[in-house]
Amino acid sequence: MTQHFEDKTLTSRSPANGNGLAIASLILGILSVTVLFIISGIPAIITGILALRRGQKERAMSIAGIVLGSIGIVLSLLFILAIIFVVYLGITTNSYEPWIDPADTFDMPVESIRV
Protein backbone atom coordinates (compact mmCIF):
# COMPACT_ATOMS: atom_id res chain seq x y z
CA MET A 1 0.00 0.00 0.00
CA THR A 2 1.31 3.41 -0.92
CA GLN A 3 0.45 6.57 0.90
CA HIS A 4 0.14 9.89 -0.88
CA PHE A 5 0.91 13.04 1.05
CA GLU A 6 -0.21 16.45 -0.07
CA ASP A 7 2.34 19.22 -0.30
CA LYS A 8 1.26 21.72 2.34
CA THR A 9 3.88 24.40 1.88
CA LEU A 10 3.03 27.90 2.95
CA THR A 11 2.65 30.38 0.18
CA SER A 12 2.42 34.11 0.60
CA ARG A 13 -0.82 35.72 -0.38
CA SER A 14 -1.72 39.35 -0.54
CA PRO A 15 -3.31 40.59 2.68
CA ALA A 16 -7.11 40.28 2.89
CA ASN A 17 -7.47 39.01 -0.67
CA GLY A 18 -6.13 42.10 -2.40
CA ASN A 19 -7.55 44.74 -0.08
CA GLY A 20 -4.17 46.20 0.81
CA LEU A 21 -4.93 49.68 -0.52
CA ALA A 22 -8.25 49.82 1.30
CA ILE A 23 -6.60 48.78 4.57
CA ALA A 24 -3.77 51.28 4.05
CA SER A 25 -6.30 54.02 3.34
CA LEU A 26 -8.19 53.26 6.54
CA ILE A 27 -5.04 53.14 8.69
CA LEU A 28 -3.70 56.37 7.20
CA GLY A 29 -7.10 58.01 7.67
CA ILE A 30 -7.17 57.06 11.34
CA LEU A 31 -3.65 58.39 11.78
CA SER A 32 -4.55 61.63 10.03
CA VAL A 33 -7.38 62.32 12.48
CA THR A 34 -5.42 61.36 15.59
CA VAL A 35 -1.77 62.31 15.22
CA LEU A 36 -0.28 63.03 11.85
CA PHE A 37 -2.98 65.26 10.30
CA ILE A 38 -1.96 66.48 6.85
CA ILE A 39 1.08 64.20 6.61
CA SER A 40 -1.07 61.07 6.43
CA GLY A 41 -4.32 62.69 5.27
CA ILE A 42 -3.24 63.15 1.66
CA PRO A 43 -1.93 59.57 1.26
CA ALA A 44 -5.15 58.27 2.88
CA ILE A 45 -7.21 60.00 0.21
CA ILE A 46 -4.93 58.84 -2.61
CA THR A 47 -4.87 55.19 -1.52
CA GLY A 48 -8.63 55.24 -0.93
CA ILE A 49 -9.31 56.53 -4.43
CA LEU A 50 -6.91 53.97 -5.93
CA ALA A 51 -8.64 51.17 -4.02
CA LEU A 52 -12.04 52.30 -5.31
CA ARG A 53 -10.82 52.54 -8.89
CA ARG A 54 -9.23 49.09 -8.76
CA GLY A 55 -12.51 47.64 -7.52
CA GLN A 56 -11.26 46.12 -4.31
CA LYS A 57 -13.79 44.24 -2.23
CA GLU A 58 -13.66 46.37 0.89
CA ARG A 59 -15.34 49.48 -0.48
CA ALA A 60 -16.36 50.67 3.01
CA MET A 61 -12.73 50.74 4.19
CA SER A 62 -11.74 52.83 1.19
CA ILE A 63 -14.54 55.31 1.75
CA ALA A 64 -13.78 55.50 5.48
CA GLY A 65 -10.11 56.19 4.69
CA ILE A 66 -11.07 58.96 2.27
CA VAL A 67 -13.46 60.55 4.78
CA LEU A 68 -11.02 60.33 7.71
CA GLY A 69 -8.18 61.65 5.55
CA SER A 70 -10.34 64.61 4.52
CA ILE A 71 -11.28 65.31 8.14
CA GLY A 72 -7.59 65.15 9.12
CA ILE A 73 -6.68 67.68 6.41
CA VAL A 74 -9.49 70.03 7.46
CA LEU A 75 -8.42 69.77 11.12
CA SER A 76 -4.81 70.53 10.25
CA LEU A 77 -5.83 73.55 8.16
CA LEU A 78 -7.99 74.86 11.02
CA PHE A 79 -5.07 74.35 13.41
CA ILE A 80 -2.73 76.26 11.09
CA LEU A 81 -5.26 79.09 10.75
CA ALA A 82 -5.64 79.25 14.54
CA ILE A 83 -1.87 79.53 14.97
CA ILE A 84 -1.70 82.28 12.34
CA PHE A 85 -4.55 84.13 14.10
CA VAL A 86 -2.87 83.91 17.51
CA VAL A 87 0.44 85.11 16.08
CA TYR A 88 -1.36 87.96 14.31
CA LEU A 89 -3.04 88.99 17.57
CA GLY A 90 0.30 88.88 19.34
CA ILE A 91 1.90 91.11 16.73
CA THR A 92 -0.89 93.67 16.41
CA THR A 93 -1.68 94.18 20.09
CA ASN A 94 0.56 96.55 22.00
CA SER A 95 2.13 94.13 24.41
CA TYR A 96 4.60 96.68 25.76
CA GLU A 97 2.01 98.50 27.89
CA PRO A 98 1.42 96.71 31.16
CA TRP A 99 -2.15 95.94 32.17
CA ILE A 100 -1.69 97.65 35.56
CA ASP A 101 0.43 100.74 35.83
CA PRO A 102 2.87 100.26 38.73
CA ALA A 103 2.59 103.93 39.68
CA ASP A 104 -1.14 103.50 40.36
CA THR A 105 -0.55 100.79 42.92
CA PHE A 106 1.06 103.11 45.47
CA ASP A 107 -0.76 105.63 47.66
CA MET A 108 1.63 108.48 46.91
CA PRO A 109 2.90 109.72 43.56
CA VAL A 110 6.30 108.51 42.44
CA GLU A 111 7.62 112.10 42.12
CA SER A 112 7.11 112.83 45.82
CA ILE A 113 9.38 110.00 46.96
CA ARG A 114 12.77 111.39 48.01
CA VAL A 115 15.80 109.29 48.49
C-alpha atoms as a PDB file:
ATOM      1  CA  MET A   1       0.000   0.000   0.000  1.00  0.00           C
ATOM      2  CA  THR A   2       1.312   3.407  -0.916  1.00  0.00           C
ATOM      3  CA  GLN A   3       0.446   6.573   0.899  1.00  0.00           C
ATOM      4  CA  HIS A   4       0.142   9.890  -0.876  1.00  0.00           C
ATOM      5  CA  PHE A   5       0.913  13.043   1.045  1.00  0.00           C
ATOM      6  CA  GLU A   6      -0.207  16.454  -0.071  1.00  0.00           C
ATOM      7  CA  ASP A   7       2.338  19.222  -0.304  1.00  0.00           C
ATOM      8  CA  LYS A   8       1.264  21.718   2.342  1.00  0.00           C
ATOM      9  CA  THR A   9       3.880  24.403   1.884  1.00  0.00           C
ATOM     10  CA  LEU A  10       3.034  27.898   2.953  1.00  0.00           C
ATOM     11  CA  THR A  11       2.652  30.382   0.178  1.00  0.00           C
ATOM     12  CA  SER A  12       2.421  34.106   0.602  1.00  0.00           C
ATOM     13  CA  ARG A  13      -0.820  35.722  -0.379  1.00  0.00           C
ATOM     14  CA  SER A  14      -1.720  39.355  -0.538  1.00  0.00           C
ATOM     15  CA  PRO A  15      -3.315  40.594   2.679  1.00  0.00           C
ATOM     16  CA  ALA A  16      -7.106  40.279   2.890  1.00  0.00           C
ATOM     17  CA  ASN A  17      -7.474  39.012  -0.670  1.00  0.00           C
ATOM     18  CA  GLY A  18      -6.133  42.096  -2.399  1.00  0.00           C
ATOM     19  CA  ASN A  19      -7.553  44.743  -0.080  1.00  0.00           C
ATOM     20  CA  GLY A  20      -4.169  46.196   0.806  1.00  0.00           C
ATOM     21  CA  LEU A  21      -4.926  49.678  -0.525  1.00  0.00           C
ATOM     22  CA  ALA A  22      -8.249  49.818   1.298  1.00  0.00           C
ATOM     23  CA  ILE A  23      -6.604  48.776   4.567  1.00  0.00           C
ATOM     24  CA  ALA A  24      -3.775  51.278   4.050  1.00  0.00           C
ATOM     25  CA  SER A  25      -6.302  54.017   3.345  1.00  0.00           C
ATOM     26  CA  LEU A  26      -8.194  53.263   6.544  1.00  0.00           C
ATOM     27  CA  ILE A  27      -5.042  53.141   8.689  1.00  0.00           C
ATOM     28  CA  LEU A  28      -3.697  56.371   7.201  1.00  0.00           C
ATOM     29  CA  GLY A  29      -7.097  58.005   7.672  1.00  0.00           C
ATOM     30  CA  ILE A  30      -7.171  57.056  11.344  1.00  0.00           C
ATOM     31  CA  LEU A  31      -3.645  58.393  11.780  1.00  0.00           C
ATOM     32  CA  SER A  32      -4.554  61.634  10.031  1.00  0.00           C
ATOM     33  CA  VAL A  33      -7.377  62.322  12.485  1.00  0.00           C
ATOM     34  CA  THR A  34      -5.423  61.362  15.588  1.00  0.00           C
ATOM     35  CA  VAL A  35      -1.770  62.305  15.223  1.00  0.00           C
ATOM     36  CA  LEU A  36      -0.281  63.027  11.847  1.00  0.00           C
ATOM     37  CA  PHE A  37      -2.976  65.259  10.297  1.00  0.00           C
ATOM     38  CA  ILE A  38      -1.960  66.483   6.849  1.00  0.00           C
ATOM     39  CA  ILE A  39       1.082  64.202   6.612  1.00  0.00           C
ATOM     40  CA  SER A  40      -1.068  61.073   6.426  1.00  0.00           C
ATOM     41  CA  GLY A  41      -4.316  62.685   5.268  1.00  0.00           C
ATOM     42  CA  ILE A  42      -3.236  63.150   1.664  1.00  0.00           C
ATOM     43  CA  PRO A  43      -1.931  59.567   1.257  1.00  0.00           C
ATOM     44  CA  ALA A  44      -5.152  58.269   2.878  1.00  0.00           C
ATOM     45  CA  ILE A  45      -7.211  59.998   0.206  1.00  0.00           C
ATOM     46  CA  ILE A  46      -4.928  58.844  -2.613  1.00  0.00           C
ATOM     47  CA  THR A  47      -4.871  55.195  -1.519  1.00  0.00           C
ATOM     48  CA  GLY A  48      -8.630  55.244  -0.925  1.00  0.00           C
ATOM     49  CA  ILE A  49      -9.312  56.526  -4.435  1.00  0.00           C
ATOM     50  CA  LEU A  50      -6.908  53.974  -5.930  1.00  0.00           C
ATOM     51  CA  ALA A  51      -8.637  51.172  -4.022  1.00  0.00           C
ATOM     52  CA  LEU A  52     -12.036  52.297  -5.306  1.00  0.00           C
ATOM     53  CA  ARG A  53     -10.822  52.536  -8.886  1.00  0.00           C
ATOM     54  CA  ARG A  54      -9.225  49.089  -8.764  1.00  0.00           C
ATOM     55  CA  GLY A  55     -12.510  47.641  -7.522  1.00  0.00           C
ATOM     56  CA  GLN A  56     -11.257  46.115  -4.312  1.00  0.00           C
ATOM     57  CA  LYS A  57     -13.793  44.241  -2.231  1.00  0.00           C
ATOM     58  CA  GLU A  58     -13.659  46.371   0.895  1.00  0.00           C
ATOM     59  CA  ARG A  59     -15.345  49.479  -0.477  1.00  0.00           C
ATOM     60  CA  ALA A  60     -16.355  50.672   3.009  1.00  0.00           C
ATOM     61  CA  MET A  61     -12.726  50.744   4.189  1.00  0.00           C
ATOM     62  CA  SER A  62     -11.735  52.833   1.186  1.00  0.00           C
ATOM     63  CA  ILE A  63     -14.538  55.313   1.751  1.00  0.00           C
ATOM     64  CA  ALA A  64     -13.781  55.503   5.484  1.00  0.00           C
ATOM     65  CA  GLY A  65     -10.113  56.189   4.694  1.00  0.00           C
ATOM     66  CA  ILE A  66     -11.067  58.961   2.273  1.00  0.00           C
ATOM     67  CA  VAL A  67     -13.464  60.546   4.782  1.00  0.00           C
ATOM     68  CA  LEU A  68     -11.017  60.326   7.708  1.00  0.00           C
ATOM     69  CA  GLY A  69      -8.177  61.654   5.551  1.00  0.00           C
ATOM     70  CA  SER A  70     -10.335  64.606   4.523  1.00  0.00           C
ATOM     71  CA  ILE A  71     -11.276  65.307   8.138  1.00  0.00           C
ATOM     72  CA  GLY A  72      -7.589  65.149   9.117  1.00  0.00           C
ATOM     73  CA  ILE A  73      -6.678  67.678   6.414  1.00  0.00           C
ATOM     74  CA  VAL A  74      -9.488  70.034   7.464  1.00  0.00           C
ATOM     75  CA  LEU A  75      -8.420  69.774  11.121  1.00  0.00           C
ATOM     76  CA  SER A  76      -4.814  70.528  10.248  1.00  0.00           C
ATOM     77  CA  LEU A  77      -5.826  73.546   8.158  1.00  0.00           C
ATOM     78  CA  LEU A  78      -7.987  74.857  11.022  1.00  0.00           C
ATOM     79  CA  PHE A  79      -5.073  74.347  13.414  1.00  0.00           C
ATOM     80  CA  ILE A  80      -2.725  76.257  11.091  1.00  0.00           C
ATOM     81  CA  LEU A  81      -5.263  79.092  10.752  1.00  0.00           C
ATOM     82  CA  ALA A  82      -5.640  79.248  14.540  1.00  0.00           C
ATOM     83  CA  ILE A  83      -1.868  79.533  14.966  1.00  0.00           C
ATOM     84  CA  ILE A  84      -1.703  82.278  12.336  1.00  0.00           C
ATOM     85  CA  PHE A  85      -4.553  84.128  14.096  1.00  0.00           C
ATOM     86  CA  VAL A  86      -2.868  83.908  17.511  1.00  0.00           C
ATOM     87  CA  VAL A  87       0.442  85.110  16.077  1.00  0.00           C
ATOM     88  CA  TYR A  88      -1.358  87.959  14.310  1.00  0.00           C
ATOM     89  CA  LEU A  89      -3.038  88.986  17.567  1.00  0.00           C
ATOM     90  CA  GLY A  90       0.301  88.876  19.344  1.00  0.00           C
ATOM     91  CA  ILE A  91       1.899  91.109  16.730  1.00  0.00           C
ATOM     92  CA  THR A  92      -0.890  93.668  16.406  1.00  0.00           C
ATOM     93  CA  THR A  93      -1.678  94.181  20.088  1.00  0.00           C
ATOM     94  CA  ASN A  94       0.555  96.546  21.997  1.00  0.00           C
ATOM     95  CA  SER A  95       2.126  94.129  24.413  1.00  0.00           C
ATOM     96  CA  TYR A  96       4.598  96.682  25.760  1.00  0.00           C
ATOM     97  CA  GLU A  97       2.012  98.503  27.894  1.00  0.00           C
ATOM     98  CA  PRO A  98       1.416  96.711  31.159  1.00  0.00           C
ATOM     99  CA  TRP A  99      -2.152  95.937  32.171  1.00  0.00           C
ATOM    100  CA  ILE A 100      -1.692  97.655  35.562  1.00  0.00           C
ATOM    101  CA  ASP A 101       0.426 100.743  35.831  1.00  0.00           C
ATOM    102  CA  PRO A 102       2.874 100.257  38.731  1.00  0.00           C
ATOM    103  CA  ALA A 103       2.588 103.931  39.680  1.00  0.00           C
ATOM    104  CA  ASP A 104      -1.144 103.499  40.361  1.00  0.00           C
ATOM    105  CA  THR A 105      -0.553 100.790  42.919  1.00  0.00           C
ATOM    106  CA  PHE A 106       1.063 103.113  45.470  1.00  0.00           C
ATOM    107  CA  ASP A 107      -0.757 105.628  47.656  1.00  0.00           C
ATOM    108  CA  MET A 108       1.627 108.480  46.908  1.00  0.00           C
ATOM    109  CA  PRO A 109       2.897 109.723  43.564  1.00  0.00           C
ATOM    110  CA  VAL A 110       6.295 108.508  42.438  1.00  0.00           C
ATOM    111  CA  GLU A 111       7.622 112.099  42.117  1.00  0.00           C
ATOM    112  CA  SER A 112       7.113 112.825  45.821  1.00  0.00           C
ATOM    113  CA  ILE A 113       9.381 110.002  46.958  1.00  0.00           C
ATOM    114  CA  ARG A 114      12.767 111.390  48.013  1.00  0.00           C
ATOM    115  CA  VAL A 115      15.797 109.287  48.491  1.00  0.00           C
END
